[in-house]
N, C-alpha and C. Protein backbone atom coordinates (compact mmCIF):
# COMPACT_ATOMS: atom_id res chain seq x y z
N MET A 1 -50.87 -89.27 20.20
CA MET A 1 -51.12 -87.84 19.15
C MET A 1 -50.91 -86.81 20.34
N LYS A 2 -51.51 -86.77 21.47
CA LYS A 2 -51.84 -85.72 22.12
C LYS A 2 -50.20 -85.04 22.39
N ASN A 3 -49.20 -86.15 22.58
CA ASN A 3 -47.98 -86.05 22.81
C ASN A 3 -47.36 -85.06 21.77
N ASP A 4 -48.04 -85.20 20.52
CA ASP A 4 -47.35 -84.85 19.69
C ASP A 4 -48.37 -83.44 19.02
N LEU A 5 -48.88 -83.45 19.35
CA LEU A 5 -49.64 -82.37 19.02
C LEU A 5 -49.22 -81.12 19.97
N GLU A 6 -49.06 -81.49 21.75
CA GLU A 6 -48.39 -80.72 22.78
C GLU A 6 -47.34 -80.45 22.07
N ASP A 7 -46.42 -81.96 21.55
CA ASP A 7 -44.91 -81.50 20.97
C ASP A 7 -45.26 -80.23 20.08
N VAL A 8 -45.91 -80.28 18.67
CA VAL A 8 -45.74 -79.48 17.64
C VAL A 8 -46.48 -77.71 17.75
N VAL A 9 -47.21 -77.77 18.88
CA VAL A 9 -47.75 -76.40 19.57
C VAL A 9 -46.53 -75.87 20.20
N GLU A 10 -46.38 -76.87 21.10
CA GLU A 10 -44.80 -76.04 21.94
C GLU A 10 -43.51 -75.29 21.19
N GLU A 11 -43.50 -76.42 20.13
CA GLU A 11 -42.23 -76.08 19.09
C GLU A 11 -42.23 -74.48 18.55
N LEU A 12 -43.95 -74.88 17.89
CA LEU A 12 -44.08 -73.52 16.90
C LEU A 12 -44.35 -72.14 18.09
N ARG A 13 -44.53 -72.69 19.74
CA ARG A 13 -44.68 -71.30 20.11
C ARG A 13 -43.31 -70.67 20.19
N SER A 14 -41.99 -71.58 20.31
CA SER A 14 -40.84 -72.18 20.64
C SER A 14 -40.17 -70.92 19.46
N LEU A 15 -40.74 -71.17 18.03
CA LEU A 15 -40.18 -70.77 17.08
C LEU A 15 -40.44 -69.22 16.94
N ALA A 16 -42.16 -69.38 17.38
CA ALA A 16 -42.47 -67.82 16.80
C ALA A 16 -41.87 -66.72 17.86
N GLY A 17 -41.54 -67.45 19.11
CA GLY A 17 -40.85 -66.47 20.03
C GLY A 17 -39.48 -66.34 19.65
N ALA A 18 -39.00 -67.27 18.94
CA ALA A 18 -37.37 -66.73 18.79
C ALA A 18 -37.52 -66.52 17.81
N HIS A 19 -38.58 -66.49 16.37
CA HIS A 19 -38.75 -66.01 15.27
C HIS A 19 -39.00 -64.38 15.54
N ALA A 20 -40.08 -64.43 16.58
CA ALA A 20 -40.11 -62.81 17.30
C ALA A 20 -38.99 -62.33 17.45
N GLY A 21 -38.41 -62.47 18.24
CA GLY A 21 -36.82 -61.87 18.79
C GLY A 21 -35.86 -61.65 17.44
N ARG A 22 -35.85 -62.98 16.75
CA ARG A 22 -35.01 -62.28 16.23
C ARG A 22 -35.29 -61.41 14.96
N ALA A 23 -36.71 -60.87 14.74
CA ALA A 23 -37.52 -60.02 14.09
C ALA A 23 -36.77 -58.33 14.84
N ARG A 24 -37.09 -58.73 16.33
CA ARG A 24 -36.29 -57.27 16.54
C ARG A 24 -35.20 -56.67 16.58
N ARG A 25 -35.20 -58.12 16.23
CA ARG A 25 -33.21 -57.36 16.87
C ARG A 25 -32.62 -57.01 15.19
N PRO A 26 -32.77 -57.04 14.58
CA PRO A 26 -32.13 -56.49 13.37
C PRO A 26 -32.92 -54.77 12.96
N ALA A 27 -34.73 -54.97 13.49
CA ALA A 27 -35.00 -53.56 13.20
C ALA A 27 -34.35 -52.99 14.28
N ARG A 28 -34.25 -53.23 15.88
CA ARG A 28 -33.26 -52.36 16.13
C ARG A 28 -31.84 -52.23 15.71
N ARG A 29 -31.42 -52.42 15.29
CA ARG A 29 -30.18 -52.63 15.02
C ARG A 29 -29.85 -51.54 13.57
N ALA A 30 -31.70 -51.49 12.74
CA ALA A 30 -31.35 -50.75 11.87
C ALA A 30 -31.65 -49.20 11.89
N MET A 31 -32.55 -49.82 13.38
CA MET A 31 -32.75 -48.28 13.28
C MET A 31 -31.64 -47.50 14.65
N SER A 32 -31.42 -48.23 15.18
CA SER A 32 -29.89 -47.95 15.29
C SER A 32 -28.55 -47.49 14.62
N VAL A 33 -28.68 -47.86 13.95
CA VAL A 33 -27.86 -47.82 12.34
C VAL A 33 -28.02 -46.36 11.79
N ALA A 34 -29.83 -45.87 11.74
CA ALA A 34 -30.35 -45.54 11.15
C ALA A 34 -30.36 -43.79 12.18
N MET A 35 -30.15 -44.35 13.42
CA MET A 35 -30.16 -43.03 14.45
C MET A 35 -28.54 -42.28 14.34
N LYS A 36 -28.05 -43.45 14.36
CA LYS A 36 -26.08 -42.99 14.00
C LYS A 36 -25.95 -41.44 12.96
N ALA A 37 -26.98 -42.59 12.24
CA ALA A 37 -26.58 -41.88 10.30
C ALA A 37 -27.48 -40.09 10.17
N PHE A 38 -28.34 -40.31 11.06
CA PHE A 38 -29.23 -38.78 11.54
C PHE A 38 -28.04 -38.23 12.08
N VAL A 39 -27.79 -38.29 13.41
CA VAL A 39 -26.82 -37.16 14.24
C VAL A 39 -25.30 -37.00 13.44
N ILE A 40 -24.84 -37.92 12.87
CA ILE A 40 -24.05 -37.41 12.47
C ILE A 40 -24.35 -36.94 10.71
N GLY A 41 -25.48 -36.54 10.11
CA GLY A 41 -25.26 -35.97 9.03
C GLY A 41 -25.85 -34.59 9.95
N ALA A 42 -26.61 -34.42 11.36
CA ALA A 42 -26.73 -33.43 12.16
C ALA A 42 -25.20 -32.35 12.27
N VAL A 43 -24.24 -33.24 12.52
CA VAL A 43 -23.14 -32.60 13.20
C VAL A 43 -22.68 -32.11 11.44
N LEU A 44 -22.23 -32.88 10.93
CA LEU A 44 -21.93 -32.78 9.82
C LEU A 44 -22.73 -31.21 9.19
N ILE A 45 -23.41 -31.20 9.17
CA ILE A 45 -24.29 -29.86 8.27
C ILE A 45 -24.60 -28.75 9.38
N THR A 46 -23.99 -28.91 10.74
CA THR A 46 -23.76 -28.03 11.87
C THR A 46 -22.30 -27.60 11.77
N LEU A 47 -21.09 -28.45 11.87
CA LEU A 47 -19.92 -27.93 11.41
C LEU A 47 -20.25 -27.07 10.00
N ALA A 48 -20.86 -27.33 9.25
CA ALA A 48 -21.05 -27.02 7.34
C ALA A 48 -20.96 -25.24 7.75
N SER A 49 -22.15 -25.57 8.60
CA SER A 49 -22.82 -24.07 8.38
C SER A 49 -21.58 -23.05 9.93
N MET A 50 -21.33 -23.81 10.34
CA MET A 50 -20.21 -22.85 11.39
C MET A 50 -19.56 -22.34 10.47
N ALA A 51 -18.34 -23.33 9.49
CA ALA A 51 -17.16 -22.95 9.43
C ALA A 51 -17.89 -21.93 8.09
N LEU A 52 -18.64 -22.08 7.01
CA LEU A 52 -19.86 -21.17 6.61
C LEU A 52 -19.70 -19.41 7.44
N ALA A 53 -20.43 -19.82 8.27
CA ALA A 53 -20.62 -18.67 8.89
C ALA A 53 -19.26 -18.08 9.39
N ALA A 54 -18.41 -18.76 9.76
CA ALA A 54 -16.98 -18.28 9.97
C ALA A 54 -16.76 -17.19 9.00
N VAL A 55 -16.71 -17.72 7.41
CA VAL A 55 -16.04 -16.72 6.76
C VAL A 55 -16.51 -16.11 6.09
N VAL A 56 -18.39 -15.92 6.74
CA VAL A 56 -18.97 -14.48 6.00
C VAL A 56 -18.36 -13.77 6.97
N LEU A 57 -17.96 -13.63 8.03
CA LEU A 57 -17.80 -12.81 9.03
C LEU A 57 -16.03 -12.21 8.50
N PHE A 58 -15.30 -12.72 7.70
CA PHE A 58 -14.25 -12.37 7.27
C PHE A 58 -14.72 -11.22 6.03
N THR A 59 -15.78 -10.96 5.57
CA THR A 59 -16.29 -10.17 4.17
C THR A 59 -16.43 -8.85 4.73
N GLN A 60 -16.76 -9.00 5.56
CA GLN A 60 -16.88 -6.98 6.57
C GLN A 60 -15.69 -6.65 5.99
N THR A 61 -15.81 -4.64 5.44
CA THR A 61 -15.22 -3.64 5.12
C THR A 61 -15.53 -2.52 6.37
N PRO A 62 -14.37 -2.65 6.87
CA PRO A 62 -14.67 -1.41 8.14
C PRO A 62 -14.20 0.11 7.31
N THR A 63 -14.65 0.91 7.61
CA THR A 63 -13.88 1.90 7.12
C THR A 63 -14.04 3.42 7.33
N TYR A 64 -12.68 4.00 7.90
CA TYR A 64 -12.70 5.02 8.47
C TYR A 64 -12.38 5.87 7.97
N THR A 65 -13.17 7.22 8.87
CA THR A 65 -13.20 8.67 8.22
C THR A 65 -12.53 9.36 8.92
N SER A 66 -11.32 9.88 8.67
CA SER A 66 -10.48 10.93 9.38
C SER A 66 -10.70 12.42 10.00
N GLY A 67 -10.47 12.41 11.20
CA GLY A 67 -11.02 13.53 11.83
C GLY A 67 -10.25 14.66 11.77
N ALA A 68 -8.63 13.91 11.58
CA ALA A 68 -7.59 14.71 11.56
C ALA A 68 -7.94 16.74 11.24
N MET A 69 -6.89 17.42 12.76
CA MET A 69 -7.36 19.13 11.76
C MET A 69 -5.16 18.70 11.22
N LEU A 70 -4.59 17.95 11.81
CA LEU A 70 -2.89 18.49 11.27
C LEU A 70 -2.85 17.03 10.85
N TYR A 71 -1.98 17.55 9.75
CA TYR A 71 -1.37 16.63 9.10
C TYR A 71 0.44 16.90 8.78
N SER A 72 1.36 15.42 8.86
CA SER A 72 2.57 15.55 8.93
C SER A 72 3.11 15.28 6.86
N GLY A 73 3.57 16.61 6.75
CA GLY A 73 4.39 16.66 5.71
C GLY A 73 5.98 14.83 5.63
N CYS A 74 5.74 15.21 6.47
CA CYS A 74 7.06 13.83 7.19
C CYS A 74 7.50 13.63 8.15
N THR A 75 8.45 12.78 8.36
CA THR A 75 8.72 12.87 9.85
C THR A 75 9.83 13.32 10.13
N ALA A 76 10.96 14.26 9.25
CA ALA A 76 12.11 14.08 9.44
C ALA A 76 12.20 15.65 8.61
N PRO A 77 11.39 16.78 9.00
CA PRO A 77 12.06 17.95 7.71
C PRO A 77 13.53 18.43 8.55
N THR A 78 14.00 18.76 7.46
CA THR A 78 15.30 19.14 7.54
C THR A 78 15.48 20.69 7.34
N GLY A 79 16.28 21.08 8.30
CA GLY A 79 16.83 22.26 8.23
C GLY A 79 18.06 23.37 6.74
N THR A 80 17.25 24.72 6.66
CA THR A 80 18.33 24.91 5.74
C THR A 80 18.14 26.08 6.50
N ALA A 81 19.55 26.90 6.27
CA ALA A 81 20.13 27.92 7.10
C ALA A 81 20.70 29.01 5.97
N SER A 82 19.90 30.49 7.05
CA SER A 82 19.75 32.15 5.68
C SER A 82 19.72 32.89 6.70
N GLY A 83 21.10 33.49 6.96
CA GLY A 83 21.65 34.59 7.98
C GLY A 83 21.08 33.76 9.10
N THR A 84 20.37 34.62 10.04
CA THR A 84 20.37 33.88 11.39
C THR A 84 18.84 33.03 11.91
N LEU A 85 18.42 32.58 10.92
CA LEU A 85 17.16 31.12 10.94
C LEU A 85 17.44 30.53 10.32
N ILE A 86 16.91 29.02 10.52
CA ILE A 86 17.33 28.09 9.76
C ILE A 86 15.09 27.51 9.88
N THR A 87 15.08 27.41 8.58
CA THR A 87 13.83 27.11 8.76
C THR A 87 13.37 25.31 8.16
N PHE A 88 13.05 25.27 8.87
CA PHE A 88 12.61 23.77 8.73
C PHE A 88 11.30 22.94 7.49
N ALA A 89 11.51 21.99 6.38
CA ALA A 89 10.74 22.22 5.62
C ALA A 89 10.66 20.87 5.39
N CYS A 90 10.07 20.51 4.50
CA CYS A 90 10.25 18.68 4.10
C CYS A 90 10.34 18.17 2.57
N PRO A 91 10.65 17.60 2.03
CA PRO A 91 11.63 17.71 0.70
C PRO A 91 10.25 17.75 -0.18
N THR A 92 8.80 17.50 0.01
CA THR A 92 8.05 17.68 -1.31
C THR A 92 7.03 18.05 0.14
N GLY A 93 6.59 19.52 0.28
CA GLY A 93 5.33 20.08 1.10
C GLY A 93 5.76 20.13 2.79
N ALA A 94 4.97 20.47 3.49
CA ALA A 94 5.29 21.30 4.55
C ALA A 94 5.80 20.15 5.90
N PRO A 95 6.08 20.55 6.19
CA PRO A 95 6.06 19.92 7.74
C PRO A 95 4.18 19.60 8.76
N ILE A 96 3.30 20.71 8.50
CA ILE A 96 2.13 21.01 8.74
C ILE A 96 1.33 21.08 8.30
N THR A 97 -0.44 20.65 7.71
CA THR A 97 -0.87 20.94 6.76
C THR A 97 -2.06 21.24 8.07
N VAL A 98 -3.11 22.65 7.59
CA VAL A 98 -3.74 21.88 8.42
C VAL A 98 -5.65 21.65 7.58
N SER A 99 -5.63 21.07 8.12
CA SER A 99 -7.17 20.81 7.47
C SER A 99 -8.20 21.59 7.48
N SER A 100 -8.71 22.09 5.89
CA SER A 100 -9.31 22.96 5.69
C SER A 100 -10.52 23.25 6.21
N THR A 101 -11.31 21.69 7.05
CA THR A 101 -12.58 22.20 7.48
C THR A 101 -11.93 22.00 9.31
N ALA A 102 -10.77 22.39 9.38
CA ALA A 102 -10.81 22.11 11.13
C ALA A 102 -10.66 23.45 11.59
N SER A 103 -11.25 22.88 13.07
CA SER A 103 -11.87 23.66 14.46
C SER A 103 -11.41 23.40 15.23
N GLY A 104 -11.33 24.52 16.88
CA GLY A 104 -10.91 23.48 17.75
C GLY A 104 -9.66 24.36 18.10
N PHE A 105 -8.74 23.29 18.95
CA PHE A 105 -7.48 23.65 19.39
C PHE A 105 -6.49 22.05 19.21
N VAL A 106 -5.49 22.63 19.36
CA VAL A 106 -4.07 21.37 18.67
C VAL A 106 -3.29 22.11 20.11
N THR A 107 -2.41 21.06 20.42
CA THR A 107 -1.33 20.97 21.59
C THR A 107 -0.52 20.25 21.32
N TYR A 108 0.46 20.72 21.43
CA TYR A 108 1.81 20.34 21.16
C TYR A 108 3.13 20.46 22.53
N THR A 109 4.38 19.09 22.48
CA THR A 109 4.85 18.72 23.39
C THR A 109 6.07 20.10 23.69
N GLY A 110 6.58 19.90 25.13
CA GLY A 110 7.69 20.79 24.99
C GLY A 110 8.77 19.79 24.00
N PHE A 111 10.00 20.65 24.41
CA PHE A 111 11.13 20.06 23.58
C PHE A 111 12.46 20.55 24.16
N THR A 112 13.51 20.27 23.16
CA THR A 112 14.22 21.37 24.14
C THR A 112 15.27 21.57 22.75
N VAL A 113 16.28 22.55 23.24
CA VAL A 113 17.17 23.35 21.44
C VAL A 113 18.46 23.88 22.38
N PRO A 114 19.36 23.62 21.69
CA PRO A 114 20.84 24.39 22.10
C PRO A 114 20.39 25.84 22.18
N SER A 115 21.38 26.41 23.15
CA SER A 115 21.10 28.03 23.47
C SER A 115 21.25 28.99 22.90
N ASN A 116 21.86 28.49 22.39
CA ASN A 116 22.49 29.93 20.88
C ASN A 116 20.97 29.79 20.15
N VAL A 117 19.97 28.95 20.17
CA VAL A 117 18.55 28.77 19.79
C VAL A 117 17.89 30.21 20.41
N THR A 118 17.81 30.98 19.74
CA THR A 118 17.17 32.17 20.29
C THR A 118 15.53 31.29 20.35
N ASP A 119 14.16 31.65 19.19
CA ASP A 119 12.93 31.04 19.72
C ASP A 119 13.03 30.04 18.13
N VAL A 120 11.88 29.44 18.37
CA VAL A 120 11.52 28.86 17.52
C VAL A 120 9.57 28.77 16.83
N TYR A 121 9.50 29.00 15.70
CA TYR A 121 7.76 29.21 15.06
C TYR A 121 7.45 28.19 14.50
N LEU A 122 6.78 28.79 14.32
CA LEU A 122 5.78 27.90 13.10
C LEU A 122 5.27 28.93 12.41
N ILE A 123 6.06 29.32 10.74
CA ILE A 123 5.83 30.00 9.82
C ILE A 123 4.99 29.43 8.52
N ASP A 124 3.95 30.07 8.20
CA ASP A 124 2.50 29.81 6.87
C ASP A 124 3.82 30.02 5.23
N THR A 125 3.32 28.72 5.10
CA THR A 125 4.37 28.99 3.70
C THR A 125 4.12 29.76 2.63
N LEU A 126 3.23 30.51 3.42
CA LEU A 126 2.81 31.80 2.06
C LEU A 126 3.31 32.76 2.47
N ALA A 127 4.12 32.83 4.06
CA ALA A 127 5.26 33.89 4.06
C ALA A 127 6.91 33.30 3.49
N THR A 128 7.40 34.94 3.01
CA THR A 128 8.53 34.18 3.53
C THR A 128 10.01 35.13 4.08
N PRO A 129 10.17 34.11 5.46
CA PRO A 129 11.37 35.07 6.24
C PRO A 129 11.81 36.03 6.12
N ALA A 130 12.15 37.21 6.01
CA ALA A 130 12.87 37.99 5.53
C ALA A 130 14.39 37.92 7.05
N THR A 131 14.78 38.27 7.80
CA THR A 131 16.21 38.20 8.76
C THR A 131 16.06 37.42 9.74
N THR A 132 14.89 37.11 10.01
CA THR A 132 14.16 36.91 11.43
C THR A 132 13.15 36.07 11.28
N CYS A 133 12.88 34.88 12.14
CA CYS A 133 11.64 34.42 12.31
C CYS A 133 10.29 35.15 12.07
N THR A 134 10.32 36.07 12.71
CA THR A 134 9.42 37.31 13.32
C THR A 134 9.18 37.90 12.80
N LEU A 135 10.18 38.33 11.43
CA LEU A 135 9.80 39.05 10.11
C LEU A 135 9.76 38.90 9.49
N TRP A 136 8.93 38.61 7.66
CA TRP A 136 8.83 38.10 6.86
C TRP A 136 8.11 39.06 5.84
N THR A 137 8.17 38.89 4.92
CA THR A 137 7.95 40.58 3.46
C THR A 137 6.71 40.10 2.62
N SER A 138 6.44 38.48 3.14
CA SER A 138 4.28 38.78 2.39
C SER A 138 3.31 39.33 3.60
N VAL A 139 2.20 39.42 3.13
CA VAL A 139 1.17 40.26 4.23
C VAL A 139 0.27 39.64 4.65
N GLY A 140 -0.34 39.76 5.33
CA GLY A 140 -1.16 38.74 5.51
C GLY A 140 -1.28 37.19 6.07
N ASP A 141 -0.22 36.93 6.40
CA ASP A 141 0.34 35.44 6.18
C ASP A 141 1.29 35.64 7.58
N GLN A 142 1.33 34.85 9.01
CA GLN A 142 1.66 35.12 10.27
C GLN A 142 2.66 33.85 10.64
N ASN A 143 3.33 34.28 11.77
CA ASN A 143 4.32 33.10 12.57
C ASN A 143 3.89 33.34 13.94
N LEU A 144 3.96 32.09 14.20
CA LEU A 144 3.26 31.25 15.43
C LEU A 144 4.49 30.87 16.04
N VAL A 145 4.90 31.80 17.46
CA VAL A 145 5.95 31.32 18.36
C VAL A 145 5.64 30.00 19.10
N LEU A 146 6.22 29.19 19.01
CA LEU A 146 6.31 27.87 19.77
C LEU A 146 7.01 27.73 21.22
N GLN A 147 6.50 27.92 22.54
CA GLN A 147 6.92 27.99 23.55
C GLN A 147 7.87 26.65 23.82
N VAL A 148 8.85 26.42 24.27
CA VAL A 148 9.75 25.45 24.45
C VAL A 148 9.03 24.01 24.97
N ALA A 149 7.76 24.56 26.64
CA ALA A 149 7.80 23.74 27.45
C ALA A 149 6.29 23.45 27.30
N GLY A 150 6.10 23.69 25.58
CA GLY A 150 5.22 22.60 25.01
C GLY A 150 3.46 23.85 25.66
N GLY A 151 2.24 23.71 24.46
CA GLY A 151 1.77 25.32 24.36
C GLY A 151 0.83 24.11 23.02
N SER A 152 -0.42 25.38 23.28
CA SER A 152 -1.86 25.04 22.37
C SER A 152 -1.88 26.01 21.37
N PHE A 153 -2.53 25.88 20.50
CA PHE A 153 -3.06 26.59 19.36
C PHE A 153 -4.28 26.01 19.18
N THR A 154 -5.46 27.29 18.87
CA THR A 154 -6.60 27.46 18.63
C THR A 154 -6.94 27.58 16.90
N VAL A 155 -7.16 26.84 16.04
CA VAL A 155 -7.12 26.84 14.72
C VAL A 155 -8.55 27.86 14.54
N GLY A 156 -8.40 28.50 13.66
CA GLY A 156 -9.07 29.50 13.40
C GLY A 156 -8.70 30.52 12.67
N THR A 157 -9.52 31.46 12.00
CA THR A 157 -8.83 32.69 10.90
C THR A 157 -8.75 34.17 11.51
N SER A 158 -8.71 33.86 12.92
CA SER A 158 -8.06 35.43 13.57
C SER A 158 -6.38 34.95 13.94
N ALA A 159 -5.64 36.49 13.84
CA ALA A 159 -4.44 36.37 14.22
C ALA A 159 -4.02 35.11 15.50
N GLY A 160 -2.66 34.91 15.27
CA GLY A 160 -2.47 34.73 16.73
C GLY A 160 -3.06 32.91 16.29
N ARG A 161 -3.59 32.50 15.81
CA ARG A 161 -4.29 30.98 15.05
C ARG A 161 -3.48 30.44 14.08
N ILE A 162 -3.50 28.90 13.93
CA ILE A 162 -3.27 28.43 13.12
C ILE A 162 -4.17 28.20 12.29
N GLN A 163 -4.15 28.66 11.29
CA GLN A 163 -5.28 29.14 10.13
C GLN A 163 -5.94 27.61 8.81
N PRO A 164 -6.75 27.21 8.95
CA PRO A 164 -7.60 25.97 8.39
C PRO A 164 -7.10 26.36 6.91
N GLY A 165 -6.78 24.99 6.15
CA GLY A 165 -6.29 25.42 4.98
C GLY A 165 -5.09 26.05 4.68
N HIS A 166 -3.98 25.86 5.38
CA HIS A 166 -2.68 26.85 5.50
C HIS A 166 -1.72 25.90 5.93
N ALA A 167 -0.63 25.80 5.34
CA ALA A 167 1.09 24.75 6.25
C ALA A 167 1.45 25.37 6.45
N TYR A 168 2.99 24.88 7.52
CA TYR A 168 3.37 26.00 8.33
C TYR A 168 4.64 24.69 8.38
N ASN A 169 5.62 25.27 8.25
CA ASN A 169 7.19 25.14 7.83
C ASN A 169 7.86 25.31 9.60
N TYR A 170 8.92 24.80 10.12
CA TYR A 170 9.65 25.39 11.62
C TYR A 170 10.25 26.73 11.09
N CYS A 171 10.67 27.61 11.77
CA CYS A 171 11.69 28.25 12.08
C CYS A 171 12.53 29.01 13.15
N ALA A 172 13.51 28.39 13.42
CA ALA A 172 14.18 28.13 14.10
C ALA A 172 14.82 29.72 13.96
N ASP A 173 15.29 30.82 14.84
CA ASP A 173 16.24 31.68 15.46
C ASP A 173 17.53 31.59 15.75
N PHE A 174 18.53 31.45 15.49
CA PHE A 174 19.79 31.91 15.92
C PHE A 174 20.84 33.23 16.42
N SER A 175 21.41 32.84 17.63
CA SER A 175 22.72 34.21 17.72
C SER A 175 23.71 33.58 17.17
N SER A 176 24.49 32.50 16.94
CA SER A 176 25.35 31.67 16.42
C SER A 176 25.10 30.51 15.94
N ALA A 177 25.10 30.15 14.69
CA ALA A 177 24.90 28.88 13.96
C ALA A 177 25.58 27.62 14.64
N PRO A 178 23.97 26.57 15.17
CA PRO A 178 24.85 25.48 15.68
C PRO A 178 25.21 24.93 14.76
N PRO A 179 26.48 23.56 14.98
CA PRO A 179 27.26 23.32 14.18
C PRO A 179 25.78 21.71 13.87
N THR A 180 24.77 21.87 14.58
CA THR A 180 24.00 20.70 14.36
C THR A 180 22.70 20.70 15.38
N PHE A 181 21.47 20.32 15.32
CA PHE A 181 20.90 19.73 16.28
C PHE A 181 19.40 19.28 15.44
N SER A 182 18.55 19.26 16.82
CA SER A 182 17.18 18.17 16.25
C SER A 182 16.33 18.70 17.51
N PHE A 183 15.18 18.65 17.27
CA PHE A 183 14.64 18.26 17.87
C PHE A 183 13.27 17.90 17.85
N THR A 184 12.36 17.19 18.52
CA THR A 184 11.30 16.10 18.81
C THR A 184 9.71 17.19 19.64
N ILE A 185 8.79 17.20 18.84
CA ILE A 185 7.36 17.66 18.92
C ILE A 185 6.86 16.71 18.49
N THR A 186 5.81 16.88 19.32
CA THR A 186 4.43 16.00 19.06
C THR A 186 3.21 16.44 19.74
N TRP A 187 2.53 16.77 18.51
CA TRP A 187 1.03 17.76 18.21
C TRP A 187 0.06 16.39 18.22
N SER A 188 -1.08 16.69 19.02
CA SER A 188 -2.28 16.41 19.57
C SER A 188 -3.16 17.28 19.47
N GLN A 189 -4.79 16.35 19.30
CA GLN A 189 -5.86 17.78 18.71
C GLN A 189 -6.37 16.70 20.21
N GLY A 190 -7.30 18.70 20.36
CA GLY A 190 -8.34 17.89 21.40
C GLY A 190 -9.93 18.55 21.63
């Protein structure tokens, strides 16, 4: 009987050890599966948050307020000859319009004209040229000579300045009418 009892105790110990080992393994697997599910869930939440944040970044509305002193009425003013002058204007408006709040100075690049063009001016659209760009029939509005080498003008209300709130055409005097010509001029503000 002693052998039988020892055999039973030994068998119970082996069963208990085997049972304890089996009980731990499923618990470990269940913990491992739970941990994997947690990690996958955390990664998915992080990715969803990043995608949502990226969409939010693109809903911003940038704004811009223009501080330009001069505005272009068109890119290619066309010339109309009258007597010994050619006035360059845009189909709807003037080539240059000055902001009513402009102050400071503007510069322009040098340009090339044929030798029979004696001078080029900016002429206020309120002025009416007479026989040359230097003479006009209206009073109070002026013309401004453009130097072929380039130059600058102060924006202000005194004589010899580009007037805030005014608009200007180009005017070219010539000694003999050129068959065709154009010039390129670039304006900037300082």
